[in-house]
Amino acid sequence: MDDFLQKIQNIKDQKLDELKQSLTEIQNRELDPIRREELSLKNLVSQKTEQKKVLKESREEFLEKNSKMGTQSAVKKELLEKFIKEYMQKLYKDSSRYKDLLVRNLEKIKDEKGTLNIDENSYSLVKSVVKDSWDIKIDNELNGFIFDSQTVSVQLTEDIVRREIFENNKTALNQILFA
């Protein structure tokens, strides 16, 4: 009888092992796609987290560089304005240089008949070269002159001088300031 019971127990164990094996195969077959999807999702989350981190760092770097560039631009503009202001002050203080500048521009007019709008200080410097055929109008708001005729228009105002100083010296100033 013991032998019989042993056989039954062996058959039972064998059947249980087969059932376990079969269940494991079914479980593996059903769970494999879920495990692959889980792994894929974990990888995707990891990728997205890394991308977000890199994007955040890149944005911070961009904002920092942008801020520096804005500051540099403001400093550059301030320095250029200071240079031009000092240049203009020196020009006004040195009446011979200022007179030469005015005369050179007045000589461009030739034998035209027209109206010369000029400030009093500039007029006192160049009245010897002003032609009798011009209608002279003193305008102390002008700081320079504007000549208009039917064929020609010549302007030499403080704004134009500032713009020319900037344009003529921009490259050199940029190299000096930001080299």
Protein backbone atom coordinates (compact mmCIF):
# COMPACT_ATOMS: atom_id res chain seq x y z
CA MET A 1 0.00 0.00 0.00
CA ASP A 2 2.82 2.32 0.72
CA ASP A 3 4.04 1.72 -2.71
CA PHE A 4 0.69 2.60 -4.16
CA LEU A 5 0.49 5.79 -2.11
CA GLN A 6 3.96 6.69 -3.20
CA LYS A 7 2.99 6.27 -6.85
CA ILE A 8 -0.06 8.45 -6.33
CA GLN A 9 2.05 11.04 -4.58
CA ASN A 10 4.56 10.97 -7.45
CA ILE A 11 1.81 11.34 -10.01
CA LYS A 12 0.31 14.14 -7.97
CA ASP A 13 3.71 15.88 -7.72
CA GLN A 14 4.30 15.39 -11.41
CA LYS A 15 0.87 16.80 -12.29
CA LEU A 16 1.44 19.72 -9.90
CA ASP A 17 4.83 20.41 -11.51
CA GLU A 18 3.26 20.29 -14.96
CA LEU A 19 0.49 22.59 -13.81
CA LYS A 20 3.02 24.98 -12.24
CA GLN A 21 5.09 24.93 -15.41
CA SER A 22 2.04 25.48 -17.55
CA LEU A 23 0.88 28.34 -15.29
CA THR A 24 4.35 29.90 -15.39
CA GLU A 25 4.39 29.71 -19.20
CA ILE A 26 0.90 31.24 -19.44
CA GLN A 27 1.82 33.89 -16.89
CA ASN A 28 5.06 34.71 -18.72
CA ARG A 29 3.25 34.83 -22.07
CA GLU A 30 0.61 37.20 -20.68
CA LEU A 31 2.97 39.30 -18.53
CA ASP A 32 5.81 39.76 -21.05
CA PRO A 33 4.02 42.45 -23.11
CA ILE A 34 3.02 44.21 -19.89
CA ARG A 35 6.62 44.07 -18.60
CA ARG A 36 7.94 45.38 -21.94
CA GLU A 37 5.41 48.20 -21.84
CA GLU A 38 6.36 48.98 -18.24
CA LEU A 39 10.04 49.12 -19.18
CA SER A 40 9.23 51.27 -22.20
CA LEU A 41 7.21 53.67 -20.04
CA LYS A 42 9.99 53.85 -17.45
CA ASN A 43 12.49 54.66 -20.21
CA LEU A 44 10.14 57.26 -21.67
CA VAL A 45 9.65 58.91 -18.26
CA SER A 46 13.41 58.90 -17.75
CA GLN A 47 13.95 60.45 -21.20
CA LYS A 48 11.31 63.13 -20.64
CA THR A 49 12.73 63.95 -17.21
CA GLU A 50 16.22 64.32 -18.71
CA GLN A 51 14.88 66.43 -21.61
CA LYS A 52 13.03 68.68 -19.17
CA LYS A 53 16.18 69.08 -17.10
CA VAL A 54 18.30 69.89 -20.18
CA LEU A 55 15.63 72.27 -21.48
CA LYS A 56 15.47 74.04 -18.12
CA GLU A 57 19.27 74.39 -18.03
CA SER A 58 19.32 75.62 -21.63
CA ARG A 59 16.59 78.15 -20.89
CA GLU A 60 18.46 79.40 -17.82
CA GLU A 61 21.68 79.70 -19.88
CA PHE A 62 19.77 81.54 -22.61
CA LEU A 63 18.20 83.95 -20.12
CA GLU A 64 21.59 84.55 -18.49
CA LYS A 65 23.28 85.21 -21.86
CA ASN A 66 20.38 87.40 -22.94
CA SER A 67 20.63 89.38 -19.73
CA LYS A 68 24.40 89.81 -20.18
CA MET A 69 23.93 90.91 -23.79
CA GLY A 70 21.26 93.41 -22.75
CA THR A 71 23.53 94.78 -20.03
CA GLN A 72 26.47 94.94 -22.43
CA SER A 73 24.30 96.69 -25.00
CA ALA A 74 23.13 99.25 -22.44
CA VAL A 75 26.70 99.82 -21.23
CA LYS A 76 27.92 100.10 -24.82
CA LYS A 77 25.20 102.62 -25.66
CA GLU A 78 25.95 104.62 -22.52
CA LEU A 79 29.69 104.70 -23.30
CA LEU A 80 29.08 105.73 -26.91
CA GLU A 81 26.68 108.48 -25.80
CA LYS A 82 29.25 109.72 -23.28
CA PHE A 83 31.97 109.75 -25.96
CA ILE A 84 29.77 111.67 -28.41
CA LYS A 85 28.67 114.14 -25.72
CA GLU A 86 32.29 114.82 -24.74
CA TYR A 87 33.27 115.14 -28.39
CA MET A 88 30.47 117.65 -28.99
CA GLN A 89 31.43 119.66 -25.90
CA LYS A 90 35.06 119.82 -27.08
CA LEU A 91 33.89 120.84 -30.54
CA TYR A 92 31.77 123.69 -29.16
CA LYS A 93 34.59 124.85 -26.87
CA ASP A 94 37.13 124.88 -29.71
CA SER A 95 35.55 127.60 -31.83
CA SER A 96 38.15 127.27 -34.62
CA ARG A 97 37.32 123.57 -35.16
CA TYR A 98 33.61 124.30 -35.00
CA LYS A 99 34.01 127.21 -37.43
CA ASP A 100 35.99 124.99 -39.86
CA LEU A 101 33.22 122.40 -39.74
CA LEU A 102 30.55 125.01 -40.43
CA VAL A 103 32.54 126.69 -43.23
CA ARG A 104 33.28 123.38 -44.97
CA ASN A 105 29.58 122.59 -45.05
CA LEU A 106 28.55 126.11 -46.07
CA GLU A 107 30.99 125.94 -48.99
CA LYS A 108 28.99 123.04 -50.41
CA ILE A 109 26.21 125.51 -51.21
CA LYS A 110 28.10 127.41 -53.99
CA ASP A 111 26.11 130.26 -55.62
CA GLU A 112 22.63 129.26 -54.55
CA LYS A 113 19.97 131.72 -53.46
CA GLY A 114 17.98 130.50 -50.49
CA THR A 115 17.24 130.64 -46.78
CA LEU A 116 19.84 129.99 -44.12
CA ASN A 117 18.40 129.05 -40.71
CA ILE A 118 21.27 129.27 -38.24
CA ASP A 119 21.82 129.74 -34.52
CA GLU A 120 23.37 132.99 -33.32
CA ASN A 121 26.63 131.45 -32.09
CA SER A 122 27.23 129.63 -35.38
CA TYR A 123 26.34 132.77 -37.36
CA SER A 124 28.85 134.88 -35.44
CA LEU A 125 31.56 132.34 -36.35
CA VAL A 126 30.77 132.17 -40.08
CA LYS A 127 29.24 135.54 -40.97
CA SER A 128 32.29 136.39 -43.08
CA VAL A 129 31.49 133.52 -45.50
CA VAL A 130 27.72 134.03 -45.57
CA LYS A 131 26.59 135.28 -48.98
CA ASP A 132 24.43 138.36 -49.44
CA SER A 133 21.99 136.40 -51.60
CA TRP A 134 20.88 134.29 -48.63
CA ASP A 135 17.92 135.12 -46.43
CA ILE A 136 19.31 134.70 -42.89
CA LYS A 137 17.03 133.54 -40.08
CA ILE A 138 18.47 133.21 -36.58
CA ASP A 139 17.11 130.19 -34.71
CA ASN A 140 18.86 129.53 -31.40
CA GLU A 141 17.10 126.18 -31.00
CA LEU A 142 18.92 124.84 -34.07
CA ASN A 143 22.57 124.46 -32.93
CA GLY A 144 24.01 124.52 -36.44
CA PHE A 145 22.34 125.46 -39.69
CA ILE A 146 19.89 124.38 -42.36
CA PHE A 147 20.11 125.88 -45.84
CA ASP A 148 17.24 125.46 -48.30
CA SER A 149 16.95 126.62 -51.88
CA GLN A 150 14.99 125.41 -54.88
CA THR A 151 17.79 123.07 -55.97
CA VAL A 152 19.79 122.21 -52.87
CA SER A 153 19.36 121.50 -49.18
CA VAL A 154 22.32 121.34 -46.79
CA GLN A 155 21.96 120.62 -43.10
CA LEU A 156 24.48 120.66 -40.31
CA THR A 157 22.64 120.34 -37.01
CA GLU A 158 23.79 118.87 -33.72
CA ASP A 159 21.80 115.69 -34.42
CA ILE A 160 23.46 115.25 -37.81
CA VAL A 161 26.92 115.86 -36.33
CA ARG A 162 26.21 113.33 -33.57
CA ARG A 163 25.05 110.74 -36.11
CA GLU A 164 28.12 111.33 -38.31
CA ILE A 165 30.47 111.08 -35.32
CA PHE A 166 28.83 107.80 -34.37
CA GLU A 167 28.89 106.39 -37.91
CA ASN A 168 32.48 107.50 -38.57
CA ASN A 169 33.78 106.15 -35.27
CA LYS A 170 31.47 103.18 -34.61
CA THR A 171 33.91 100.46 -35.66
CA ALA A 172 36.85 101.98 -33.83
CA LEU A 173 34.76 102.62 -30.72
CA ASN A 174 33.40 99.08 -30.70
CA GLN A 175 36.92 97.67 -31.00
CA ILE A 176 38.16 99.85 -28.17
CA LEU A 177 35.18 99.18 -25.90
CA PHE A 178 34.68 95.48 -26.55
CA ALA A 179 37.99 94.06 -27.74
